[in-house]
N, C-alpha and C. Protein backbone atom coordinates (compact mmCIF):
# COMPACT_ATOMS: atom_id res chain seq x y z
N MET A 1 17.56 -0.70 -8.88
CA MET A 1 16.25 -0.29 -9.38
C MET A 1 15.95 1.13 -8.93
N ASP A 2 15.35 1.89 -9.82
CA ASP A 2 14.92 3.22 -9.44
C ASP A 2 13.41 3.18 -9.12
N ILE A 3 12.88 4.29 -8.69
CA ILE A 3 11.48 4.35 -8.26
C ILE A 3 10.53 3.94 -9.39
N ASP A 4 10.76 4.39 -10.61
CA ASP A 4 9.88 4.03 -11.72
C ASP A 4 9.93 2.53 -12.01
N GLN A 5 11.11 1.93 -11.94
CA GLN A 5 11.22 0.49 -12.15
C GLN A 5 10.49 -0.29 -11.06
N VAL A 6 10.61 0.18 -9.82
CA VAL A 6 9.97 -0.52 -8.71
C VAL A 6 8.45 -0.37 -8.79
N THR A 7 7.94 0.81 -9.12
CA THR A 7 6.48 0.96 -9.22
C THR A 7 5.94 0.11 -10.36
N ALA A 8 6.70 -0.04 -11.44
CA ALA A 8 6.28 -0.94 -12.52
C ALA A 8 6.23 -2.39 -12.01
N PHE A 9 7.19 -2.78 -11.20
CA PHE A 9 7.21 -4.12 -10.61
C PHE A 9 6.00 -4.31 -9.70
N VAL A 10 5.68 -3.29 -8.90
CA VAL A 10 4.53 -3.37 -7.99
C VAL A 10 3.23 -3.56 -8.77
N ARG A 11 3.08 -2.89 -9.89
CA ARG A 11 1.85 -3.03 -10.70
C ARG A 11 1.60 -4.49 -11.09
N GLU A 12 2.65 -5.26 -11.26
CA GLU A 12 2.52 -6.67 -11.65
C GLU A 12 2.57 -7.62 -10.45
N ASN A 13 2.97 -7.12 -9.28
CA ASN A 13 3.19 -7.96 -8.10
C ASN A 13 2.64 -7.26 -6.86
N PRO A 14 1.36 -7.44 -6.54
CA PRO A 14 0.75 -6.68 -5.45
C PRO A 14 1.01 -7.21 -4.04
N ARG A 15 1.65 -8.38 -3.89
CA ARG A 15 1.86 -8.94 -2.56
C ARG A 15 3.09 -8.32 -1.92
N ALA A 16 2.90 -7.83 -0.70
CA ALA A 16 3.99 -7.09 -0.07
C ALA A 16 3.90 -7.20 1.45
N VAL A 17 4.97 -6.74 2.08
CA VAL A 17 4.99 -6.57 3.53
C VAL A 17 5.22 -5.08 3.78
N LEU A 18 4.30 -4.49 4.54
CA LEU A 18 4.38 -3.08 4.90
C LEU A 18 5.02 -2.96 6.27
N ALA A 19 6.01 -2.10 6.40
CA ALA A 19 6.64 -1.83 7.69
C ALA A 19 6.35 -0.39 8.09
N THR A 20 5.85 -0.21 9.30
CA THR A 20 5.64 1.11 9.91
C THR A 20 6.37 1.10 11.24
N MET A 21 6.47 2.27 11.86
CA MET A 21 7.20 2.37 13.12
C MET A 21 6.26 2.45 14.32
N ARG A 22 6.47 1.54 15.27
CA ARG A 22 5.72 1.60 16.53
C ARG A 22 6.22 2.78 17.35
N ARG A 23 5.47 3.10 18.37
CA ARG A 23 5.82 4.21 19.26
C ARG A 23 7.21 4.02 19.87
N ASP A 24 7.59 2.74 20.14
CA ASP A 24 8.89 2.48 20.77
C ASP A 24 10.05 2.43 19.76
N GLY A 25 9.77 2.70 18.47
CA GLY A 25 10.81 2.74 17.46
C GLY A 25 11.09 1.41 16.78
N THR A 26 10.38 0.37 17.14
CA THR A 26 10.56 -0.92 16.48
C THR A 26 9.59 -1.04 15.32
N PRO A 27 9.93 -1.86 14.33
CA PRO A 27 9.04 -2.00 13.17
C PRO A 27 7.82 -2.84 13.47
N GLN A 28 6.70 -2.46 12.87
CA GLN A 28 5.48 -3.27 12.88
C GLN A 28 5.28 -3.64 11.42
N MET A 29 5.19 -4.94 11.15
CA MET A 29 5.09 -5.40 9.76
C MET A 29 3.78 -6.13 9.53
N THR A 30 3.21 -5.91 8.35
CA THR A 30 1.92 -6.46 7.99
C THR A 30 1.92 -6.91 6.54
N PRO A 31 1.43 -8.13 6.25
CA PRO A 31 1.25 -8.50 4.84
C PRO A 31 0.09 -7.70 4.25
N VAL A 32 0.28 -7.17 3.05
CA VAL A 32 -0.74 -6.33 2.41
C VAL A 32 -0.76 -6.59 0.91
N LEU A 33 -1.84 -6.13 0.27
CA LEU A 33 -1.88 -6.01 -1.18
C LEU A 33 -1.66 -4.53 -1.48
N VAL A 34 -0.74 -4.25 -2.36
CA VAL A 34 -0.39 -2.87 -2.66
C VAL A 34 -0.63 -2.59 -4.13
N GLY A 35 -1.18 -1.42 -4.40
CA GLY A 35 -1.39 -0.97 -5.76
C GLY A 35 -0.59 0.29 -6.03
N VAL A 36 -0.70 0.79 -7.24
CA VAL A 36 -0.04 2.03 -7.63
C VAL A 36 -1.10 2.93 -8.26
N ASP A 37 -1.19 4.17 -7.78
CA ASP A 37 -2.20 5.06 -8.34
C ASP A 37 -1.65 5.82 -9.55
N GLU A 38 -2.48 6.71 -10.09
CA GLU A 38 -2.11 7.43 -11.31
C GLU A 38 -0.93 8.39 -11.11
N LYS A 39 -0.58 8.69 -9.86
CA LYS A 39 0.57 9.56 -9.58
C LYS A 39 1.79 8.77 -9.11
N ASN A 40 1.78 7.45 -9.36
CA ASN A 40 2.87 6.55 -8.97
C ASN A 40 3.09 6.47 -7.47
N ARG A 41 2.02 6.69 -6.70
CA ARG A 41 2.08 6.49 -5.25
C ARG A 41 1.60 5.07 -4.96
N LEU A 42 2.18 4.46 -3.95
CA LEU A 42 1.69 3.15 -3.51
C LEU A 42 0.43 3.36 -2.70
N VAL A 43 -0.54 2.47 -2.88
CA VAL A 43 -1.81 2.58 -2.15
C VAL A 43 -2.15 1.24 -1.52
N ILE A 44 -2.63 1.32 -0.27
CA ILE A 44 -2.98 0.13 0.50
C ILE A 44 -4.29 0.40 1.20
N SER A 45 -5.24 -0.52 1.05
CA SER A 45 -6.53 -0.42 1.74
C SER A 45 -6.40 -1.06 3.11
N THR A 46 -6.95 -0.40 4.12
CA THR A 46 -6.93 -0.93 5.48
C THR A 46 -8.09 -0.35 6.28
N ARG A 47 -8.21 -0.78 7.53
CA ARG A 47 -9.26 -0.26 8.42
C ARG A 47 -8.72 0.93 9.21
N GLU A 48 -9.57 1.89 9.47
CA GLU A 48 -9.19 3.06 10.28
C GLU A 48 -8.61 2.64 11.63
N THR A 49 -9.08 1.51 12.18
CA THR A 49 -8.68 1.07 13.52
C THR A 49 -7.40 0.25 13.53
N ALA A 50 -6.78 0.00 12.36
CA ALA A 50 -5.58 -0.82 12.30
C ALA A 50 -4.38 -0.10 12.95
N ILE A 51 -3.53 -0.89 13.57
CA ILE A 51 -2.33 -0.34 14.22
C ILE A 51 -1.46 0.40 13.22
N LYS A 52 -1.36 -0.11 11.99
CA LYS A 52 -0.52 0.56 10.99
C LYS A 52 -1.00 1.98 10.72
N VAL A 53 -2.29 2.21 10.80
CA VAL A 53 -2.83 3.56 10.59
C VAL A 53 -2.40 4.48 11.74
N ALA A 54 -2.53 4.00 12.96
CA ALA A 54 -2.08 4.79 14.12
C ALA A 54 -0.59 5.09 14.01
N ASN A 55 0.18 4.08 13.58
CA ASN A 55 1.63 4.27 13.45
C ASN A 55 1.96 5.36 12.43
N VAL A 56 1.35 5.32 11.24
CA VAL A 56 1.72 6.31 10.21
C VAL A 56 1.12 7.68 10.49
N ARG A 57 0.07 7.73 11.28
CA ARG A 57 -0.43 9.06 11.67
C ARG A 57 0.54 9.72 12.65
N ARG A 58 1.20 8.92 13.44
CA ARG A 58 2.17 9.44 14.40
C ARG A 58 3.53 9.69 13.72
N ASP A 59 3.94 8.78 12.85
CA ASP A 59 5.23 8.86 12.16
C ASP A 59 4.96 8.54 10.69
N PRO A 60 4.82 9.56 9.84
CA PRO A 60 4.34 9.36 8.47
C PRO A 60 5.38 8.81 7.49
N ARG A 61 6.04 7.73 7.90
CA ARG A 61 6.98 7.03 7.03
C ARG A 61 6.59 5.56 6.98
N ALA A 62 6.87 4.93 5.83
CA ALA A 62 6.60 3.50 5.71
C ALA A 62 7.53 2.92 4.65
N TRP A 63 7.71 1.60 4.73
CA TRP A 63 8.54 0.85 3.80
C TRP A 63 7.75 -0.36 3.36
N VAL A 64 7.94 -0.75 2.11
CA VAL A 64 7.23 -1.88 1.54
C VAL A 64 8.25 -2.79 0.86
N CYS A 65 8.19 -4.08 1.19
CA CYS A 65 8.97 -5.09 0.49
C CYS A 65 7.98 -5.87 -0.37
N VAL A 66 8.15 -5.79 -1.68
CA VAL A 66 7.21 -6.38 -2.64
C VAL A 66 7.81 -7.68 -3.17
N LEU A 67 6.99 -8.73 -3.14
CA LEU A 67 7.44 -10.06 -3.54
C LEU A 67 6.70 -10.55 -4.77
N ASN A 68 7.36 -11.35 -5.57
CA ASN A 68 6.68 -11.95 -6.72
C ASN A 68 5.83 -13.12 -6.23
N ASP A 69 4.96 -13.63 -7.10
CA ASP A 69 4.05 -14.72 -6.72
C ASP A 69 4.77 -15.98 -6.26
N GLY A 70 5.96 -16.23 -6.78
CA GLY A 70 6.70 -17.43 -6.41
C GLY A 70 7.56 -17.26 -5.17
N PHE A 71 7.57 -16.08 -4.58
CA PHE A 71 8.32 -15.71 -3.39
C PHE A 71 9.81 -15.57 -3.70
N TYR A 72 10.47 -16.61 -4.20
CA TYR A 72 11.89 -16.51 -4.54
C TYR A 72 12.03 -15.84 -5.90
N GLY A 73 13.14 -15.16 -6.07
CA GLY A 73 13.39 -14.48 -7.34
C GLY A 73 13.26 -12.98 -7.19
N ALA A 74 12.65 -12.35 -8.16
CA ALA A 74 12.56 -10.89 -8.19
C ALA A 74 11.77 -10.35 -7.00
N TRP A 75 12.25 -9.24 -6.47
CA TRP A 75 11.58 -8.55 -5.38
C TRP A 75 12.02 -7.08 -5.45
N ALA A 76 11.36 -6.23 -4.70
CA ALA A 76 11.71 -4.82 -4.69
C ALA A 76 11.30 -4.20 -3.36
N GLN A 77 11.89 -3.07 -3.06
CA GLN A 77 11.50 -2.35 -1.85
C GLN A 77 11.38 -0.86 -2.16
N LEU A 78 10.47 -0.25 -1.45
CA LEU A 78 10.25 1.20 -1.57
C LEU A 78 10.05 1.76 -0.18
N GLY A 79 10.47 2.97 0.02
CA GLY A 79 10.18 3.69 1.25
C GLY A 79 9.68 5.06 0.89
N GLY A 80 8.92 5.66 1.81
CA GLY A 80 8.45 7.00 1.50
C GLY A 80 7.59 7.62 2.57
N GLU A 81 7.08 8.78 2.21
CA GLU A 81 6.21 9.56 3.09
C GLU A 81 4.77 9.10 2.91
N VAL A 82 4.02 9.09 4.01
CA VAL A 82 2.67 8.52 4.03
C VAL A 82 1.63 9.57 4.34
N GLU A 83 0.48 9.39 3.70
CA GLU A 83 -0.73 10.11 4.11
C GLU A 83 -1.84 9.08 4.21
N VAL A 84 -2.77 9.32 5.13
CA VAL A 84 -3.94 8.47 5.28
C VAL A 84 -5.13 9.23 4.71
N VAL A 85 -5.86 8.59 3.81
CA VAL A 85 -7.06 9.19 3.23
C VAL A 85 -8.25 8.44 3.80
N SER A 86 -9.09 9.15 4.53
CA SER A 86 -10.25 8.55 5.19
C SER A 86 -11.51 8.80 4.37
N LEU A 87 -12.55 8.03 4.68
CA LEU A 87 -13.85 8.25 4.06
C LEU A 87 -14.43 9.58 4.51
N PRO A 88 -15.17 10.28 3.71
CA PRO A 88 -15.68 9.89 2.40
C PRO A 88 -14.69 10.12 1.25
N GLU A 89 -13.61 10.90 1.49
CA GLU A 89 -12.66 11.21 0.42
C GLU A 89 -12.00 9.96 -0.15
N ALA A 90 -11.89 8.91 0.64
CA ALA A 90 -11.19 7.70 0.20
C ALA A 90 -12.02 6.81 -0.73
N MET A 91 -13.32 7.06 -0.86
CA MET A 91 -14.16 6.10 -1.57
C MET A 91 -13.71 5.84 -3.01
N GLU A 92 -13.58 6.87 -3.80
CA GLU A 92 -13.19 6.64 -5.20
C GLU A 92 -11.75 6.12 -5.32
N PRO A 93 -10.80 6.61 -4.51
CA PRO A 93 -9.48 5.97 -4.54
C PRO A 93 -9.51 4.50 -4.11
N LEU A 94 -10.42 4.11 -3.21
CA LEU A 94 -10.56 2.70 -2.85
C LEU A 94 -11.10 1.89 -4.03
N VAL A 95 -12.02 2.47 -4.77
CA VAL A 95 -12.54 1.81 -5.98
C VAL A 95 -11.40 1.62 -6.98
N GLU A 96 -10.59 2.65 -7.20
CA GLU A 96 -9.47 2.55 -8.14
C GLU A 96 -8.43 1.55 -7.64
N TYR A 97 -8.20 1.49 -6.34
CA TYR A 97 -7.30 0.49 -5.75
C TYR A 97 -7.78 -0.91 -6.10
N TYR A 98 -9.06 -1.18 -5.89
CA TYR A 98 -9.62 -2.50 -6.19
C TYR A 98 -9.47 -2.82 -7.67
N ARG A 99 -9.85 -1.88 -8.52
CA ARG A 99 -9.75 -2.09 -9.97
C ARG A 99 -8.32 -2.39 -10.40
N GLY A 100 -7.38 -1.67 -9.82
CA GLY A 100 -5.99 -1.84 -10.21
C GLY A 100 -5.43 -3.21 -9.86
N ILE A 101 -5.93 -3.81 -8.79
CA ILE A 101 -5.42 -5.10 -8.35
C ILE A 101 -6.31 -6.25 -8.83
N SER A 102 -7.62 -6.07 -8.76
CA SER A 102 -8.55 -7.19 -9.00
C SER A 102 -9.45 -7.03 -10.21
N GLY A 103 -9.47 -5.88 -10.84
CA GLY A 103 -10.37 -5.67 -11.97
C GLY A 103 -11.73 -5.16 -11.53
N GLU A 104 -12.75 -5.45 -12.30
CA GLU A 104 -14.08 -4.95 -11.99
C GLU A 104 -14.75 -5.78 -10.89
N HIS A 105 -15.43 -5.10 -10.00
CA HIS A 105 -16.19 -5.76 -8.93
C HIS A 105 -17.57 -6.12 -9.47
N PRO A 106 -18.15 -7.26 -9.06
CA PRO A 106 -19.47 -7.63 -9.57
C PRO A 106 -20.60 -6.74 -9.07
N ASP A 107 -20.38 -6.01 -7.96
CA ASP A 107 -21.43 -5.16 -7.40
C ASP A 107 -20.78 -3.99 -6.68
N TRP A 108 -20.61 -2.88 -7.40
CA TRP A 108 -19.92 -1.72 -6.83
C TRP A 108 -20.69 -1.11 -5.67
N ASP A 109 -22.01 -1.17 -5.69
CA ASP A 109 -22.78 -0.64 -4.54
C ASP A 109 -22.47 -1.44 -3.29
N ASP A 110 -22.39 -2.77 -3.43
CA ASP A 110 -22.04 -3.62 -2.30
C ASP A 110 -20.62 -3.33 -1.82
N TYR A 111 -19.71 -3.15 -2.74
CA TYR A 111 -18.32 -2.82 -2.39
C TYR A 111 -18.26 -1.52 -1.59
N ARG A 112 -18.93 -0.49 -2.10
CA ARG A 112 -18.93 0.81 -1.41
C ARG A 112 -19.56 0.69 -0.01
N SER A 113 -20.63 -0.07 0.11
CA SER A 113 -21.25 -0.29 1.43
C SER A 113 -20.29 -0.99 2.38
N ALA A 114 -19.55 -1.97 1.86
CA ALA A 114 -18.57 -2.68 2.69
C ALA A 114 -17.45 -1.74 3.14
N MET A 115 -17.04 -0.82 2.30
CA MET A 115 -15.98 0.13 2.67
C MET A 115 -16.43 1.00 3.84
N VAL A 116 -17.68 1.43 3.82
CA VAL A 116 -18.24 2.24 4.91
C VAL A 116 -18.40 1.39 6.16
N ARG A 117 -19.00 0.23 6.02
CA ARG A 117 -19.25 -0.67 7.16
C ARG A 117 -17.94 -1.05 7.85
N ASP A 118 -16.91 -1.33 7.05
CA ASP A 118 -15.63 -1.76 7.62
C ASP A 118 -14.71 -0.60 8.01
N ARG A 119 -15.19 0.63 7.78
CA ARG A 119 -14.41 1.83 8.11
C ARG A 119 -13.04 1.80 7.44
N ARG A 120 -13.07 1.56 6.12
CA ARG A 120 -11.83 1.47 5.36
C ARG A 120 -11.23 2.85 5.10
N CYS A 121 -9.94 2.86 4.96
CA CYS A 121 -9.22 4.06 4.55
C CYS A 121 -8.12 3.61 3.61
N LEU A 122 -7.40 4.57 3.08
CA LEU A 122 -6.34 4.28 2.14
C LEU A 122 -5.04 4.86 2.68
N ILE A 123 -4.03 4.02 2.75
CA ILE A 123 -2.67 4.49 3.06
C ILE A 123 -2.01 4.77 1.71
N ARG A 124 -1.50 5.98 1.57
CA ARG A 124 -0.87 6.40 0.32
C ARG A 124 0.59 6.73 0.61
N ILE A 125 1.50 6.07 -0.10
CA ILE A 125 2.93 6.27 0.12
C ILE A 125 3.54 6.92 -1.12
N THR A 126 4.15 8.09 -0.92
CA THR A 126 4.89 8.74 -1.99
C THR A 126 6.34 8.26 -1.89
N PRO A 127 6.79 7.44 -2.86
CA PRO A 127 8.12 6.86 -2.75
C PRO A 127 9.24 7.89 -2.78
N THR A 128 10.22 7.69 -1.90
CA THR A 128 11.42 8.51 -1.87
C THR A 128 12.68 7.67 -2.04
N THR A 129 12.59 6.37 -1.75
CA THR A 129 13.72 5.46 -1.92
C THR A 129 13.22 4.19 -2.59
N ALA A 130 14.13 3.54 -3.35
CA ALA A 130 13.78 2.30 -4.03
C ALA A 130 15.00 1.39 -4.08
N GLY A 131 14.72 0.11 -4.20
CA GLY A 131 15.83 -0.83 -4.28
C GLY A 131 15.30 -2.18 -4.74
N PRO A 132 16.12 -3.19 -4.85
CA PRO A 132 17.51 -3.18 -4.39
C PRO A 132 18.40 -2.35 -5.31
N THR A 133 19.48 -1.87 -4.75
CA THR A 133 20.42 -1.07 -5.52
C THR A 133 21.73 -1.81 -5.77
N VAL A 134 21.91 -2.98 -5.12
CA VAL A 134 23.13 -3.78 -5.28
C VAL A 134 22.72 -5.22 -5.52
N ALA A 135 23.30 -5.85 -6.48
CA ALA A 135 23.05 -7.28 -6.72
C ALA A 135 24.22 -8.07 -6.17
N SER A 136 23.93 -9.20 -5.53
CA SER A 136 25.02 -10.02 -5.01
C SER A 136 25.20 -11.28 -5.82
């Protein structure tokens, strides 16, 4: 699979495991919902205080293993360079993230208030690698 094929797969399958690097060089993995923005970057909503945010601010690389709803069968992986987008700049990208995965929110004012209250930010991954590249 190439990057375009994997981002197309992600658009239909938002369940994933995000891997970032801890200070000691070991992976820290987290289940996440992942979307794809208009520039084909992976986007993940999280809290500013999350360990994954500290990890990618220190080492701006991440990997995502994306799974289909049935778990077995089709899957994909992407790796790339990361940037963290914090509020207030993150607000509209967070709205687009929600829309891309869940559709329209019943109360956008409430959603925006929750993003501020929860200190949400957006992890944005620009893919540089994609797979799987070998079938067994």
